[in-house]
Amino acid sequence: MTELEYKKKLWKAPDYSQLKERDFNRVLDEIRDLVELEAVANRRKHLGAPQLTAWNEWQRAAILRRKYELQRDG
């Protein structure tokens, strides 16, 4: 994913922490590489926006699940 594609996704997307579990998992399933996942997982740092809501327990678990899937399939 290029930086431009990433910025377009950010522009169109709500704060992912506000998504319902089903929608959040759908977003994660669209992620195709660890670099993109890392950017989403650490979005507050990458965007310089510490005011964004931190991930809750099920969101952290879902991010880790996707990480393991990408590592396994990669």
N, C-alpha and C. Protein backbone atom coordinates (compact mmCIF):
# COMPACT_ATOMS: atom_id res chain seq x y z
N MET A 1 0.85 -1.17 0.00
CA MET A 1 0.00 0.00 0.00
C MET A 1 0.89 1.24 0.00
N THR A 2 0.61 2.14 -0.91
CA THR A 2 1.40 3.36 -0.99
C THR A 2 0.93 4.35 0.08
N GLU A 3 1.73 5.35 0.32
CA GLU A 3 1.37 6.37 1.31
C GLU A 3 0.09 7.09 0.90
N LEU A 4 -0.06 7.35 -0.39
CA LEU A 4 -1.26 8.02 -0.88
C LEU A 4 -2.51 7.17 -0.63
N GLU A 5 -2.41 5.87 -0.91
CA GLU A 5 -3.54 4.98 -0.66
C GLU A 5 -3.89 4.95 0.83
N TYR A 6 -2.86 4.94 1.65
CA TYR A 6 -3.06 4.95 3.10
C TYR A 6 -3.78 6.23 3.54
N LYS A 7 -3.35 7.36 3.03
CA LYS A 7 -3.98 8.63 3.40
C LYS A 7 -5.43 8.69 2.92
N LYS A 8 -5.70 8.11 1.75
CA LYS A 8 -7.08 8.09 1.27
C LYS A 8 -7.96 7.25 2.19
N LYS A 9 -7.43 6.11 2.67
CA LYS A 9 -8.19 5.29 3.59
C LYS A 9 -8.47 6.05 4.88
N LEU A 10 -7.49 6.77 5.37
CA LEU A 10 -7.68 7.53 6.60
C LEU A 10 -8.74 8.60 6.41
N TRP A 11 -8.73 9.24 5.26
CA TRP A 11 -9.68 10.31 5.00
C TRP A 11 -11.11 9.78 4.97
N LYS A 12 -11.30 8.62 4.40
CA LYS A 12 -12.64 8.06 4.26
C LYS A 12 -13.11 7.35 5.53
N ALA A 13 -12.19 6.87 6.34
CA ALA A 13 -12.54 6.02 7.47
C ALA A 13 -12.81 6.83 8.73
N PRO A 14 -13.78 6.37 9.51
CA PRO A 14 -13.94 6.96 10.84
C PRO A 14 -12.80 6.45 11.72
N ASP A 15 -12.69 6.98 12.91
CA ASP A 15 -11.70 6.43 13.84
C ASP A 15 -12.06 4.96 14.05
N TYR A 16 -11.14 4.10 13.74
CA TYR A 16 -11.43 2.66 13.80
C TYR A 16 -11.84 2.21 15.19
N SER A 17 -11.43 2.91 16.23
CA SER A 17 -11.80 2.51 17.58
C SER A 17 -13.30 2.66 17.83
N GLN A 18 -13.97 3.40 16.98
CA GLN A 18 -15.41 3.63 17.14
C GLN A 18 -16.26 2.61 16.37
N LEU A 19 -15.61 1.76 15.59
CA LEU A 19 -16.35 0.77 14.81
C LEU A 19 -16.88 -0.35 15.69
N LYS A 20 -17.98 -0.93 15.26
CA LYS A 20 -18.51 -2.12 15.94
C LYS A 20 -17.58 -3.29 15.61
N GLU A 21 -17.64 -4.33 16.42
CA GLU A 21 -16.71 -5.44 16.28
C GLU A 21 -16.74 -6.05 14.88
N ARG A 22 -17.90 -6.25 14.34
CA ARG A 22 -18.02 -6.85 13.00
C ARG A 22 -17.33 -5.98 11.95
N ASP A 23 -17.56 -4.68 12.00
CA ASP A 23 -16.96 -3.76 11.03
C ASP A 23 -15.45 -3.64 11.24
N PHE A 24 -15.03 -3.63 12.49
CA PHE A 24 -13.59 -3.56 12.79
C PHE A 24 -12.88 -4.78 12.23
N ASN A 25 -13.45 -5.97 12.42
CA ASN A 25 -12.85 -7.18 11.89
C ASN A 25 -12.83 -7.18 10.37
N ARG A 26 -13.85 -6.60 9.77
CA ARG A 26 -13.90 -6.49 8.31
C ARG A 26 -12.76 -5.60 7.80
N VAL A 27 -12.50 -4.50 8.50
CA VAL A 27 -11.39 -3.60 8.15
C VAL A 27 -10.07 -4.35 8.27
N LEU A 28 -9.89 -5.07 9.37
CA LEU A 28 -8.64 -5.81 9.57
C LEU A 28 -8.45 -6.87 8.49
N ASP A 29 -9.52 -7.53 8.09
CA ASP A 29 -9.41 -8.57 7.06
C ASP A 29 -8.98 -8.01 5.71
N GLU A 30 -9.19 -6.72 5.48
CA GLU A 30 -8.77 -6.08 4.23
C GLU A 30 -7.28 -5.73 4.22
N ILE A 31 -6.66 -5.76 5.37
CA ILE A 31 -5.23 -5.44 5.48
C ILE A 31 -4.43 -6.62 4.94
N ARG A 32 -3.51 -6.32 4.03
CA ARG A 32 -2.78 -7.36 3.32
C ARG A 32 -1.31 -7.52 3.72
N ASP A 33 -0.77 -6.61 4.55
CA ASP A 33 0.63 -6.77 4.95
C ASP A 33 0.86 -6.21 6.35
N LEU A 34 1.97 -6.61 6.94
CA LEU A 34 2.29 -6.21 8.31
C LEU A 34 2.56 -4.72 8.45
N VAL A 35 3.07 -4.10 7.40
CA VAL A 35 3.35 -2.66 7.45
C VAL A 35 2.05 -1.88 7.61
N GLU A 36 1.06 -2.24 6.84
CA GLU A 36 -0.23 -1.57 6.93
C GLU A 36 -0.88 -1.84 8.29
N LEU A 37 -0.79 -3.07 8.76
CA LEU A 37 -1.36 -3.42 10.07
C LEU A 37 -0.68 -2.63 11.17
N GLU A 38 0.63 -2.50 11.09
CA GLU A 38 1.37 -1.75 12.10
C GLU A 38 0.93 -0.28 12.12
N ALA A 39 0.65 0.28 10.95
CA ALA A 39 0.20 1.67 10.87
C ALA A 39 -1.18 1.83 11.53
N VAL A 40 -2.04 0.87 11.31
CA VAL A 40 -3.37 0.94 11.94
C VAL A 40 -3.24 0.72 13.44
N ALA A 41 -2.47 -0.28 13.83
CA ALA A 41 -2.33 -0.61 15.25
C ALA A 41 -1.74 0.56 16.04
N ASN A 42 -0.87 1.30 15.43
CA ASN A 42 -0.20 2.43 16.10
C ASN A 42 -0.63 3.76 15.51
N ARG A 43 -1.87 3.87 15.16
CA ARG A 43 -2.38 5.04 14.45
C ARG A 43 -2.20 6.33 15.23
N ARG A 44 -2.32 6.30 16.54
CA ARG A 44 -2.17 7.52 17.33
C ARG A 44 -0.76 8.08 17.18
N LYS A 45 0.23 7.21 17.18
CA LYS A 45 1.63 7.64 17.01
C LYS A 45 1.87 8.11 15.58
N HIS A 46 1.45 7.30 14.60
CA HIS A 46 1.70 7.61 13.18
C HIS A 46 1.00 8.89 12.74
N LEU A 47 -0.17 9.13 13.29
CA LEU A 47 -0.93 10.32 12.91
C LEU A 47 -0.61 11.52 13.79
N GLY A 48 0.17 11.29 14.83
CA GLY A 48 0.46 12.37 15.76
C GLY A 48 -0.81 12.86 16.44
N ALA A 49 -1.68 11.90 16.78
CA ALA A 49 -2.99 12.25 17.34
C ALA A 49 -3.25 11.46 18.63
N PRO A 50 -2.57 11.83 19.71
CA PRO A 50 -2.76 11.10 20.97
C PRO A 50 -4.17 11.21 21.53
N GLN A 51 -4.97 12.13 21.01
CA GLN A 51 -6.33 12.29 21.49
C GLN A 51 -7.26 11.17 21.01
N LEU A 52 -6.83 10.40 20.01
CA LEU A 52 -7.66 9.29 19.55
C LEU A 52 -7.80 8.26 20.66
N THR A 53 -8.93 7.60 20.69
CA THR A 53 -9.21 6.60 21.70
C THR A 53 -8.25 5.41 21.57
N ALA A 54 -7.76 4.94 22.70
CA ALA A 54 -6.89 3.76 22.71
C ALA A 54 -7.72 2.52 22.39
N TRP A 55 -7.07 1.49 21.88
CA TRP A 55 -7.76 0.24 21.58
C TRP A 55 -8.26 -0.41 22.87
N ASN A 56 -9.43 -1.04 22.79
CA ASN A 56 -9.91 -1.80 23.94
C ASN A 56 -9.42 -3.25 23.83
N GLU A 57 -9.81 -4.09 24.76
CA GLU A 57 -9.28 -5.46 24.82
C GLU A 57 -9.59 -6.27 23.56
N TRP A 58 -10.85 -6.26 23.11
CA TRP A 58 -11.18 -7.09 21.95
C TRP A 58 -10.54 -6.55 20.68
N GLN A 59 -10.33 -5.23 20.60
CA GLN A 59 -9.66 -4.67 19.43
C GLN A 59 -8.18 -5.07 19.41
N ARG A 60 -7.52 -5.02 20.56
CA ARG A 60 -6.11 -5.47 20.63
C ARG A 60 -6.00 -6.94 20.24
N ALA A 61 -6.93 -7.75 20.75
CA ALA A 61 -6.93 -9.18 20.42
C ALA A 61 -7.13 -9.40 18.92
N ALA A 62 -8.02 -8.63 18.31
CA ALA A 62 -8.28 -8.77 16.87
C ALA A 62 -7.05 -8.34 16.06
N ILE A 63 -6.37 -7.28 16.48
CA ILE A 63 -5.16 -6.83 15.79
C ILE A 63 -4.08 -7.91 15.88
N LEU A 64 -3.91 -8.49 17.05
CA LEU A 64 -2.92 -9.57 17.22
C LEU A 64 -3.28 -10.80 16.39
N ARG A 65 -4.58 -11.12 16.36
CA ARG A 65 -5.03 -12.25 15.53
C ARG A 65 -4.64 -12.03 14.08
N ARG A 66 -4.90 -10.82 13.58
CA ARG A 66 -4.58 -10.51 12.18
C ARG A 66 -3.08 -10.55 11.94
N LYS A 67 -2.31 -10.09 12.93
CA LYS A 67 -0.85 -10.12 12.82
C LYS A 67 -0.37 -11.56 12.66
N TYR A 68 -0.89 -12.45 13.49
CA TYR A 68 -0.48 -13.86 13.41
C TYR A 68 -0.89 -14.48 12.09
N GLU A 69 -2.07 -14.11 11.59
CA GLU A 69 -2.51 -14.62 10.29
C GLU A 69 -1.58 -14.17 9.18
N LEU A 70 -1.21 -12.89 9.19
CA LEU A 70 -0.32 -12.37 8.15
C LEU A 70 1.07 -12.99 8.25
N GLN A 71 1.56 -13.21 9.45
CA GLN A 71 2.87 -13.84 9.62
C GLN A 71 2.82 -15.29 9.13
N ARG A 72 1.76 -15.99 9.44
CA ARG A 72 1.60 -17.39 9.05
C ARG A 72 1.50 -17.52 7.52
N ASP A 73 0.74 -16.65 6.92
CA ASP A 73 0.49 -16.73 5.47
C ASP A 73 1.59 -16.08 4.63
N GLY A 74 2.40 -15.25 5.28
CA GLY A 74 3.39 -14.46 4.57
C GLY A 74 4.59 -15.21 4.23
